[in-house]
Amino acid sequence: MRSSLGIPDEYTTDPQAEVLILAPVDPSYILDINVNQKNKIKDMETMQNLFKPFSNRFKFQHDGSLFTYRKDYEYWRRDQFSSDDLSIDFEDIFDI
């Protein structure tokens, strides 16, 4: 499936997949910290200062492209229901 969708090896196959980690992650494994919208972080200066000791290891940056649709969006979208696809007759469900 990965090759037919043309997604890189570092992507999860399903864009809705979650990665669960059951132990602390050593900072040496962190490449970058990316945020979608800087203005959503209440105190950006404090956040940047927290990561300053690690600045030689990874960057704390804004990269909106990481928070947009992937190239396989259309494939996954067609498997989803939209509100137009769902029609409910409440009279069939409830005694109205």
PDB file of N, CA and C in Angstrom:
ATOM      1  N   MET A   1       0.830  -1.189   0.000  1.00  0.00           N
ATOM      2  CA  MET A   1       0.000   0.000   0.000  1.00  0.00           C
ATOM      3  C   MET A   1       0.878   1.258   0.000  1.00  0.00           C
ATOM      4  N   ARG A   2       1.949   1.251   0.781  1.00  0.00           N
ATOM      5  CA  ARG A   2       2.828   2.408   0.886  1.00  0.00           C
ATOM      6  C   ARG A   2       3.336   2.868  -0.480  1.00  0.00           C
ATOM      7  N   SER A   3       3.768   1.933  -1.304  1.00  0.00           N
ATOM      8  CA  SER A   3       4.303   2.326  -2.616  1.00  0.00           C
ATOM      9  C   SER A   3       3.196   2.808  -3.545  1.00  0.00           C
ATOM     10  N   SER A   4       2.012   2.198  -3.474  1.00  0.00           N
ATOM     11  CA  SER A   4       0.925   2.641  -4.348  1.00  0.00           C
ATOM     12  C   SER A   4       0.429   4.035  -3.966  1.00  0.00           C
ATOM     13  N   LEU A   5       0.540   4.404  -2.687  1.00  0.00           N
ATOM     14  CA  LEU A   5       0.141   5.736  -2.241  1.00  0.00           C
ATOM     15  C   LEU A   5       1.267   6.753  -2.401  1.00  0.00           C
ATOM     16  N   GLY A   6       2.489   6.256  -2.620  1.00  0.00           N
ATOM     17  CA  GLY A   6       3.627   7.146  -2.813  1.00  0.00           C
ATOM     18  C   GLY A   6       4.035   7.893  -1.556  1.00  0.00           C
ATOM     19  N   ILE A   7       3.884   7.250  -0.395  1.00  0.00           N
ATOM     20  CA  ILE A   7       4.264   7.929   0.845  1.00  0.00           C
ATOM     21  C   ILE A   7       5.635   7.438   1.317  1.00  0.00           C
ATOM     22  N   PRO A   8       6.427   8.330   1.908  1.00  0.00           N
ATOM     23  CA  PRO A   8       7.768   7.964   2.369  1.00  0.00           C
ATOM     24  C   PRO A   8       7.743   6.963   3.522  1.00  0.00           C
ATOM     25  N   ASP A   9       8.839   6.269   3.717  1.00  0.00           N
ATOM     26  CA  ASP A   9       8.941   5.266   4.777  1.00  0.00           C
ATOM     27  C   ASP A   9       8.744   5.858   6.166  1.00  0.00           C
ATOM     28  N   GLU A  10       9.097   7.134   6.356  1.00  0.00           N
ATOM     29  CA  GLU A  10       8.985   7.713   7.698  1.00  0.00           C
ATOM     30  C   GLU A  10       7.558   8.142   8.058  1.00  0.00           C
ATOM     31  N   TYR A  11       6.627   8.055   7.117  1.00  0.00           N
ATOM     32  CA  TYR A  11       5.220   8.372   7.395  1.00  0.00           C
ATOM     33  C   TYR A  11       4.515   7.129   7.904  1.00  0.00           C
ATOM     34  N   THR A  12       3.524   7.322   8.775  1.00  0.00           N
ATOM     35  CA  THR A  12       2.655   6.205   9.129  1.00  0.00           C
ATOM     36  C   THR A  12       1.806   5.894   7.895  1.00  0.00           C
ATOM     37  N   THR A  13       1.388   4.651   7.747  1.00  0.00           N
ATOM     38  CA  THR A  13       0.573   4.298   6.586  1.00  0.00           C
ATOM     39  C   THR A  13      -0.742   5.058   6.609  1.00  0.00           C
ATOM     40  N   ASP A  14      -1.395   5.070   7.760  1.00  0.00           N
ATOM     41  CA  ASP A  14      -2.652   5.797   7.910  1.00  0.00           C
ATOM     42  C   ASP A  14      -2.347   7.143   8.568  1.00  0.00           C
ATOM     43  N   PRO A  15      -2.793   8.251   7.966  1.00  0.00           N
ATOM     44  CA  PRO A  15      -2.487   9.569   8.541  1.00  0.00           C
ATOM     45  C   PRO A  15      -3.113   9.802   9.912  1.00  0.00           C
ATOM     46  N   GLN A  16      -4.081   8.980  10.306  1.00  0.00           N
ATOM     47  CA  GLN A  16      -4.705   9.125  11.615  1.00  0.00           C
ATOM     48  C   GLN A  16      -4.045   8.232  12.669  1.00  0.00           C
ATOM     49  N   ALA A  17      -2.964   7.564  12.315  1.00  0.00           N
ATOM     50  CA  ALA A  17      -2.297   6.660  13.256  1.00  0.00           C
ATOM     51  C   ALA A  17      -1.673   7.450  14.406  1.00  0.00           C
ATOM     52  N   GLU A  18      -1.629   6.824  15.548  1.00  0.00           N
ATOM     53  CA  GLU A  18      -0.987   7.414  16.716  1.00  0.00           C
ATOM     54  C   GLU A  18       0.206   6.559  17.087  1.00  0.00           C
ATOM     55  N   VAL A  19       1.215   7.209  17.594  1.00  0.00           N
ATOM     56  CA  VAL A  19       2.391   6.499  18.084  1.00  0.00           C
ATOM     57  C   VAL A  19       2.398   6.669  19.596  1.00  0.00           C
ATOM     58  N   LEU A  20       2.367   5.568  20.310  1.00  0.00           N
ATOM     59  CA  LEU A  20       2.381   5.601  21.762  1.00  0.00           C
ATOM     60  C   LEU A  20       3.759   5.196  22.259  1.00  0.00           C
ATOM     61  N   ILE A  21       4.290   5.995  23.144  1.00  0.00           N
ATOM     62  CA  ILE A  21       5.601   5.710  23.715  1.00  0.00           C
ATOM     63  C   ILE A  21       5.411   5.563  25.214  1.00  0.00           C
ATOM     64  N   LEU A  22       5.860   4.458  25.763  1.00  0.00           N
ATOM     65  CA  LEU A  22       5.578   4.132  27.158  1.00  0.00           C
ATOM     66  C   LEU A  22       6.687   4.535  28.123  1.00  0.00           C
ATOM     67  N   ALA A  23       7.692   5.236  27.627  1.00  0.00           N
ATOM     68  CA  ALA A  23       8.798   5.667  28.491  1.00  0.00           C
ATOM     69  C   ALA A  23       9.262   7.043  28.015  1.00  0.00           C
ATOM     70  N   PRO A  24       9.991   7.756  28.853  1.00  0.00           N
ATOM     71  CA  PRO A  24      10.507   9.064  28.417  1.00  0.00           C
ATOM     72  C   PRO A  24      11.386   8.927  27.172  1.00  0.00           C
ATOM     73  N   VAL A  25      11.355   9.947  26.338  1.00  0.00           N
ATOM     74  CA  VAL A  25      12.169   9.956  25.116  1.00  0.00           C
ATOM     75  C   VAL A  25      13.409  10.796  25.384  1.00  0.00           C
ATOM     76  N   ASP A  26      14.549  10.213  25.192  1.00  0.00           N
ATOM     77  CA  ASP A  26      15.797  10.948  25.366  1.00  0.00           C
ATOM     78  C   ASP A  26      15.883  12.042  24.302  1.00  0.00           C
ATOM     79  N   PRO A  27      16.257  13.261  24.676  1.00  0.00           N
ATOM     80  CA  PRO A  27      16.332  14.359  23.693  1.00  0.00           C
ATOM     81  C   PRO A  27      17.232  14.071  22.487  1.00  0.00           C
ATOM     82  N   SER A  28      18.147  13.125  22.613  1.00  0.00           N
ATOM     83  CA  SER A  28      19.029  12.815  21.482  1.00  0.00           C
ATOM     84  C   SER A  28      18.251  12.227  20.305  1.00  0.00           C
ATOM     85  N   TYR A  29      17.031  11.727  20.545  1.00  0.00           N
ATOM     86  CA  TYR A  29      16.201  11.170  19.484  1.00  0.00           C
ATOM     87  C   TYR A  29      15.325  12.223  18.804  1.00  0.00           C
ATOM     88  N   ILE A  30      15.274  13.419  19.350  1.00  0.00           N
ATOM     89  CA  ILE A  30      14.423  14.471  18.799  1.00  0.00           C
ATOM     90  C   ILE A  30      15.198  15.236  17.732  1.00  0.00           C
ATOM     91  N   LEU A  31      14.645  15.304  16.528  1.00  0.00           N
ATOM     92  CA  LEU A  31      15.303  16.015  15.430  1.00  0.00           C
ATOM     93  C   LEU A  31      14.904  17.478  15.408  1.00  0.00           C
ATOM     94  N   ASP A  32      13.616  17.756  15.510  1.00  0.00           N
ATOM     95  CA  ASP A  32      13.074  19.115  15.497  1.00  0.00           C
ATOM     96  C   ASP A  32      11.774  19.116  16.287  1.00  0.00           C
ATOM     97  N   ILE A  33      11.383  20.292  16.743  1.00  0.00           N
ATOM     98  CA  ILE A  33      10.060  20.494  17.327  1.00  0.00           C
ATOM     99  C   ILE A  33       9.384  21.535  16.455  1.00  0.00           C
ATOM    100  N   ASN A  34       8.291  21.133  15.834  1.00  0.00           N
ATOM    101  CA  ASN A  34       7.574  22.019  14.918  1.00  0.00           C
ATOM    102  C   ASN A  34       6.201  22.344  15.476  1.00  0.00           C
ATOM    103  N   VAL A  35       5.830  23.593  15.355  1.00  0.00           N
ATOM    104  CA  VAL A  35       4.502  24.024  15.787  1.00  0.00           C
ATOM    105  C   VAL A  35       3.734  24.533  14.580  1.00  0.00           C
ATOM    106  N   ASN A  36       2.431  24.370  14.632  1.00  0.00           N
ATOM    107  CA  ASN A  36       1.580  24.780  13.533  1.00  0.00           C
ATOM    108  C   ASN A  36       1.403  26.297  13.501  1.00  0.00           C
ATOM    109  N   GLN A  37       1.095  26.876  14.641  1.00  0.00           N
ATOM    110  CA  GLN A  37       0.851  28.316  14.706  1.00  0.00           C
ATOM    111  C   GLN A  37       1.534  28.890  15.932  1.00  0.00           C
ATOM    112  N   LYS A  38       2.527  29.726  15.709  1.00  0.00           N
ATOM    113  CA  LYS A  38       3.250  30.328  16.826  1.00  0.00           C
ATOM    114  C   LYS A  38       2.325  31.097  17.754  1.00  0.00           C
ATOM    115  N   ASN A  39       1.336  31.760  17.188  1.00  0.00           N
ATOM    116  CA  ASN A  39       0.460  32.599  18.014  1.00  0.00           C
ATOM    117  C   ASN A  39      -0.436  31.780  18.943  1.00  0.00           C
ATOM    118  N   LYS A  40      -0.510  30.470  18.778  1.00  0.00           N
ATOM    119  CA  LYS A  40      -1.309  29.628  19.664  1.00  0.00           C
ATOM    120  C   LYS A  40      -0.545  29.270  20.940  1.00  0.00           C
ATOM    121  N   ILE A  41       0.765  29.475  20.943  1.00  0.00           N
ATOM    122  CA  ILE A  41       1.566  29.214  22.137  1.00  0.00           C
ATOM    123  C   ILE A  41       1.525  30.472  22.986  1.00  0.00           C
ATOM    124  N   LYS A  42       1.045  30.341  24.210  1.00  0.00           N
ATOM    125  CA  LYS A  42       0.816  31.510  25.055  1.00  0.00           C
ATOM    126  C   LYS A  42       2.086  32.297  25.334  1.00  0.00           C
ATOM    127  N   ASP A  43       3.191  31.620  25.566  1.00  0.00           N
ATOM    128  CA  ASP A  43       4.432  32.315  25.887  1.00  0.00           C
ATOM    129  C   ASP A  43       5.572  31.715  25.063  1.00  0.00           C
ATOM    130  N   MET A  44       5.663  32.145  23.809  1.00  0.00           N
ATOM    131  CA  MET A  44       6.656  31.594  22.882  1.00  0.00           C
ATOM    132  C   MET A  44       8.081  31.801  23.402  1.00  0.00           C
ATOM    133  N   GLU A  45       8.351  32.947  23.996  1.00  0.00           N
ATOM    134  CA  GLU A  45       9.702  33.228  24.490  1.00  0.00           C
ATOM    135  C   GLU A  45      10.117  32.226  25.573  1.00  0.00           C
ATOM    136  N   THR A  46       9.211  31.945  26.500  1.00  0.00           N
ATOM    137  CA  THR A  46       9.507  30.963  27.542  1.00  0.00           C
ATOM    138  C   THR A  46       9.725  29.589  26.925  1.00  0.00           C
ATOM    139  N   MET A  47       8.902  29.229  25.960  1.00  0.00           N
ATOM    140  CA  MET A  47       9.030  27.934  25.294  1.00  0.00           C
ATOM    141  C   MET A  47      10.397  27.825  24.605  1.00  0.00           C
ATOM    142  N   GLN A  48      10.806  28.859  23.901  1.00  0.00           N
ATOM    143  CA  GLN A  48      12.100  28.832  23.222  1.00  0.00           C
ATOM    144  C   GLN A  48      13.246  28.750  24.232  1.00  0.00           C
ATOM    145  N   ASN A  49      13.104  29.450  25.350  1.00  0.00           N
ATOM    146  CA  ASN A  49      14.145  29.397  26.385  1.00  0.00           C
ATOM    147  C   ASN A  49      14.266  28.013  27.000  1.00  0.00           C
ATOM    148  N   LEU A  50      13.141  27.315  27.130  1.00  0.00           N
ATOM    149  CA  LEU A  50      13.168  25.952  27.651  1.00  0.00           C
ATOM    150  C   LEU A  50      14.007  25.030  26.763  1.00  0.00           C
ATOM    151  N   PHE A  51      13.935  25.272  25.459  1.00  0.00           N
ATOM    152  CA  PHE A  51      14.637  24.393  24.528  1.00  0.00           C
ATOM    153  C   PHE A  51      16.025  24.901  24.149  1.00  0.00           C
ATOM    154  N   LYS A  52      16.386  26.084  24.630  1.00  0.00           N
ATOM    155  CA  LYS A  52      17.694  26.663  24.299  1.00  0.00           C
ATOM    156  C   LYS A  52      18.867  25.734  24.627  1.00  0.00           C
ATOM    157  N   PRO A  53      18.872  25.037  25.775  1.00  0.00           N
ATOM    158  CA  PRO A  53      19.998  24.135  26.067  1.00  0.00           C
ATOM    159  C   PRO A  53      20.159  23.013  25.035  1.00  0.00           C
ATOM    160  N   PHE A  54      19.100  22.743  24.292  1.00  0.00           N
ATOM    161  CA  PHE A  54      19.155  21.671  23.300  1.00  0.00           C
ATOM    162  C   PHE A  54      19.301  22.204  21.875  1.00  0.00           C
ATOM    163  N   SER A  55      19.520  23.500  21.729  1.00  0.00           N
ATOM    164  CA  SER A  55      19.518  24.123  20.404  1.00  0.00           C
ATOM    165  C   SER A  55      20.600  23.578  19.480  1.00  0.00           C
ATOM    166  N   ASN A  56      21.655  23.002  20.048  1.00  0.00           N
ATOM    167  CA  ASN A  56      22.668  22.397  19.187  1.00  0.00           C
ATOM    168  C   ASN A  56      22.247  21.018  18.691  1.00  0.00           C
ATOM    169  N   ARG A  57      21.145  20.472  19.261  1.00  0.00           N
ATOM    170  CA  ARG A  57      20.671  19.139  18.861  1.00  0.00           C
ATOM    171  C   ARG A  57      19.460  19.196  17.932  1.00  0.00           C
ATOM    172  N   PHE A  58      18.547  20.118  18.191  1.00  0.00           N
ATOM    173  CA  PHE A  58      17.361  20.221  17.341  1.00  0.00           C
ATOM    174  C   PHE A  58      16.839  21.644  17.349  1.00  0.00           C
ATOM    175  N   LYS A  59      15.986  21.938  16.371  1.00  0.00           N
ATOM    176  CA  LYS A  59      15.413  23.276  16.220  1.00  0.00           C
ATOM    177  C   LYS A  59      13.972  23.290  16.711  1.00  0.00           C
ATOM    178  N   PHE A  60      13.597  24.398  17.307  1.00  0.00           N
ATOM    179  CA  PHE A  60      12.212  24.663  17.685  1.00  0.00           C
ATOM    180  C   PHE A  60      11.727  25.680  16.663  1.00  0.00           C
ATOM    181  N   GLN A  61      10.794  25.285  15.806  1.00  0.00           N
ATOM    182  CA  GLN A  61      10.457  26.134  14.668  1.00  0.00           C
ATOM    183  C   GLN A  61       8.998  26.015  14.262  1.00  0.00           C
ATOM    184  N   HIS A  62       8.602  26.896  13.383  1.00  0.00           N
ATOM    185  CA  HIS A  62       7.262  26.876  12.798  1.00  0.00           C
ATOM    186  C   HIS A  62       7.392  26.323  11.391  1.00  0.00           C
ATOM    187  N   ASP A  63       6.649  25.267  11.091  1.00  0.00           N
ATOM    188  CA  ASP A  63       6.630  24.706   9.739  1.00  0.00           C
ATOM    189  C   ASP A  63       5.208  24.253   9.455  1.00  0.00           C
ATOM    190  N   GLY A  64       4.422  25.170   8.903  1.00  0.00           N
ATOM    191  CA  GLY A  64       3.015  24.893   8.621  1.00  0.00           C
ATOM    192  C   GLY A  64       2.796  23.756   7.643  1.00  0.00           C
ATOM    193  N   SER A  65       3.775  23.476   6.782  1.00  0.00           N
ATOM    194  CA  SER A  65       3.605  22.408   5.792  1.00  0.00           C
ATOM    195  C   SER A  65       3.461  21.034   6.443  1.00  0.00           C
ATOM    196  N   LEU A  66       3.943  20.890   7.665  1.00  0.00           N
ATOM    197  CA  LEU A  66       3.816  19.607   8.361  1.00  0.00           C
ATOM    198  C   LEU A  66       2.419  19.372   8.901  1.00  0.00           C
ATOM    199  N   PHE A  67       1.574  20.402   8.841  1.00  0.00           N
ATOM    200  CA  PHE A  67       0.239  20.324   9.426  1.00  0.00           C
ATOM    201  C   PHE A  67      -0.850  20.461   8.368  1.00  0.00           C
ATOM    202  N   THR A  68      -0.552  20.064   7.170  1.00  0.00           N
ATOM    203  CA  THR A  68      -1.523  20.143   6.089  1.00  0.00           C
ATOM    204  C   THR A  68      -1.760  18.745   5.520  1.00  0.00           C
ATOM    205  N   TYR A  69      -2.588  18.655   4.509  1.00  0.00           N
ATOM    206  CA  TYR A  69      -2.917  17.360   3.920  1.00  0.00           C
ATOM    207  C   TYR A  69      -1.691  16.683   3.336  1.00  0.00           C
ATOM    208  N   ARG A  70      -1.648  15.369   3.470  1.00  0.00           N
ATOM    209  CA  ARG A  70      -0.588  14.585   2.850  1.00  0.00           C
ATOM    210  C   ARG A  70      -0.976  14.290   1.398  1.00  0.00           C
ATOM    211  N   LYS A  71       0.000  13.784   0.644  1.00  0.00           N
ATOM    212  CA  LYS A  71      -0.274  13.495  -0.771  1.00  0.00           C
ATOM    213  C   LYS A  71      -1.284  12.368  -0.952  1.00  0.00           C
ATOM    214  N   ASP A  72      -1.502  11.543   0.081  1.00  0.00           N
ATOM    215  CA  ASP A  72      -2.472  10.446  -0.013  1.00  0.00           C
ATOM    216  C   ASP A  72      -3.832  10.834   0.578  1.00  0.00           C
ATOM    217  N   TYR A  73      -4.076  12.118   0.738  1.00  0.00           N
ATOM    218  CA  TYR A  73      -5.313  12.619   1.342  1.00  0.00           C
ATOM    219  C   TYR A  73      -6.559  12.107   0.614  1.00  0.00           C
ATOM    220  N   GLU A  74      -6.564  12.166  -0.690  1.00  0.00           N
ATOM    221  CA  GLU A  74      -7.749  11.756  -1.453  1.00  0.00           C
ATOM    222  C   GLU A  74      -8.088  10.281  -1.232  1.00  0.00           C
ATOM    223  N   TYR A  75      -7.076   9.433  -1.109  1.00  0.00           N
ATOM    224  CA  TYR A  75      -7.311   8.006  -0.871  1.00  0.00           C
ATOM    225  C   TYR A  75      -8.055   7.802   0.453  1.00  0.00           C
ATOM    226  N   TRP A  76      -7.593   8.454   1.521  1.00  0.00           N
ATOM    227  CA  TRP A  76      -8.200   8.283   2.835  1.00  0.00           C
ATOM    228  C   TRP A  76      -9.531   9.010   2.937  1.00  0.00           C
ATOM    229  N   ARG A  77      -9.654  10.109   2.252  1.00  0.00           N
ATOM    230  CA  ARG A  77     -10.883  10.893   2.309  1.00  0.00           C
ATOM    231  C   ARG A  77     -12.070  10.111   1.747  1.00  0.00           C
ATOM    232  N   ARG A  78     -11.849   9.345   0.699  1.00  0.00           N
ATOM    233  CA  ARG A  78     -12.965   8.633   0.076  1.00  0.00           C
ATOM    234  C   ARG A  78     -13.514   7.521   0.960  1.00  0.00           C
ATOM    235  N   ASP A  79     -12.723   7.101   1.959  1.00  0.00           N
ATOM    236  CA  ASP A  79     -13.191   6.074   2.884  1.00  0.00           C
ATOM    237  C   ASP A  79     -13.965   6.659   4.060  1.00  0.00           C
ATOM    238  N   GLN A  80     -14.062   7.952   4.130  1.00  0.00           N
ATOM    239  CA  GLN A  80     -14.714   8.606   5.256  1.00  0.00           C
ATOM    240  C   GLN A  80     -16.151   8.975   4.896  1.00  0.00           C
ATOM    241  N   PHE A  81     -16.980   9.058   5.897  1.00  0.00           N
ATOM    242  CA  PHE A  81     -18.351   9.511   5.704  1.00  0.00           C
ATOM    243  C   PHE A  81     -18.385  11.022   5.797  1.00  0.00           C
ATOM    244  N   SER A  82     -19.199  11.620   4.996  1.00  0.00           N
ATOM    245  CA  SER A  82     -19.466  13.041   5.169  1.00  0.00           C
ATOM    246  C   SER A  82     -20.884  13.173   5.680  1.00  0.00           C
ATOM    247  N   SER A  83     -21.234  14.343   6.160  1.00  0.00           N
ATOM    248  CA  SER A  83     -22.596  14.519   6.669  1.00  0.00           C
ATOM    249  C   SER A  83     -23.616  14.336   5.553  1.00  0.00           C
ATOM    250  N   ASP A  84     -23.208  14.569   4.294  1.00  0.00           N
ATOM    251  CA  ASP A  84     -24.121  14.367   3.166  1.00  0.00           C
ATOM    252  C   ASP A  84     -24.392  12.884   2.914  1.00  0.00           C
ATOM    253  N   ASP A  85     -23.422  12.022   3.292  1.00  0.00           N
ATOM    254  CA  ASP A  85     -23.579  10.585   3.080  1.00  0.00           C
ATOM    255  C   ASP A  85     -24.506   9.952   4.097  1.00  0.00           C
ATOM    256  N   LEU A  86     -24.717  10.631   5.190  1.00  0.00           N
ATOM    257  CA  LEU A  86     -25.447  10.053   6.298  1.00  0.00           C
ATOM    258  C   LEU A  86     -26.827  10.667   6.387  1.00  0.00           C
ATOM    259  N   SER A  87     -27.810   9.849   6.170  1.00  0.00           N
ATOM    260  CA  SER A  87     -29.173  10.354   6.278  1.00  0.00           C
ATOM    261  C   SER A  87     -29.908   9.482   7.273  1.00  0.00           C
ATOM    262  N   ILE A  88     -30.485  10.105   8.269  1.00  0.00           N
ATOM    263  CA  ILE A  88     -31.165   9.372   9.336  1.00  0.00           C
ATOM    264  C   ILE A  88     -32.629   9.798   9.354  1.00  0.00           C
ATOM    265  N   ASP A  89     -33.487   8.808   9.365  1.00  0.00           N
ATOM    266  CA  ASP A  89     -34.908   9.086   9.530  1.00  0.00           C
ATOM    267  C   ASP A  89     -35.228   8.824  10.988  1.00  0.00           C
ATOM    268  N   PHE A  90     -35.330   9.901  11.771  1.00  0.00           N
ATOM    269  CA  PHE A  90     -35.551   9.761  13.205  1.00  0.00           C
ATOM    270  C   PHE A  90     -36.879   9.076  13.535  1.00  0.00           C
ATOM    271  N   GLU A  91     -37.827   9.115  12.636  1.00  0.00           N
ATOM    272  CA  GLU A  91     -39.104   8.435  12.885  1.00  0.00           C
ATOM    273  C   GLU A  91     -38.904   6.921  12.918  1.00  0.00           C
ATOM    274  N   ASP A  92     -37.902   6.417  12.174  1.00  0.00           N
ATOM    275  CA  ASP A  92     -37.612   4.980  12.194  1.00  0.00           C
ATOM    276  C   ASP A  92     -36.908   4.569  13.476  1.00  0.00           C
ATOM    277  N   ILE A  93     -36.225   5.496  14.120  1.00  0.00           N
ATOM    278  CA  ILE A  93     -35.460   5.194  15.338  1.00  0.00           C
ATOM    279  C   ILE A  93     -36.304   5.407  16.582  1.00  0.00           C
ATOM    280  N   PHE A  94     -37.000   6.515  16.604  1.00  0.00           N
ATOM    281  CA  PHE A  94     -37.806   6.880  17.788  1.00  0.00           C
ATOM    282  C   PHE A  94     -39.287   6.767  17.450  1.00  0.00           C
ATOM    283  N   ASP A  95     -40.059   6.571  18.429  1.00  0.00           N
ATOM    284  CA  ASP A  95     -41.504   6.503  18.251  1.00  0.00           C
ATOM    285  C   ASP A  95     -42.051   7.928  18.241  1.00  0.00           C
ATOM    286  N   ILE A  96     -41.972   8.553  17.046  1.00  0.00           N
ATOM    287  CA  ILE A  96     -42.396   9.960  16.912  1.00  0.00           C
ATOM    288  C   ILE A  96     -43.736  10.006  16.215  1.00  0.00           C
TER     289      ILE A  96
END
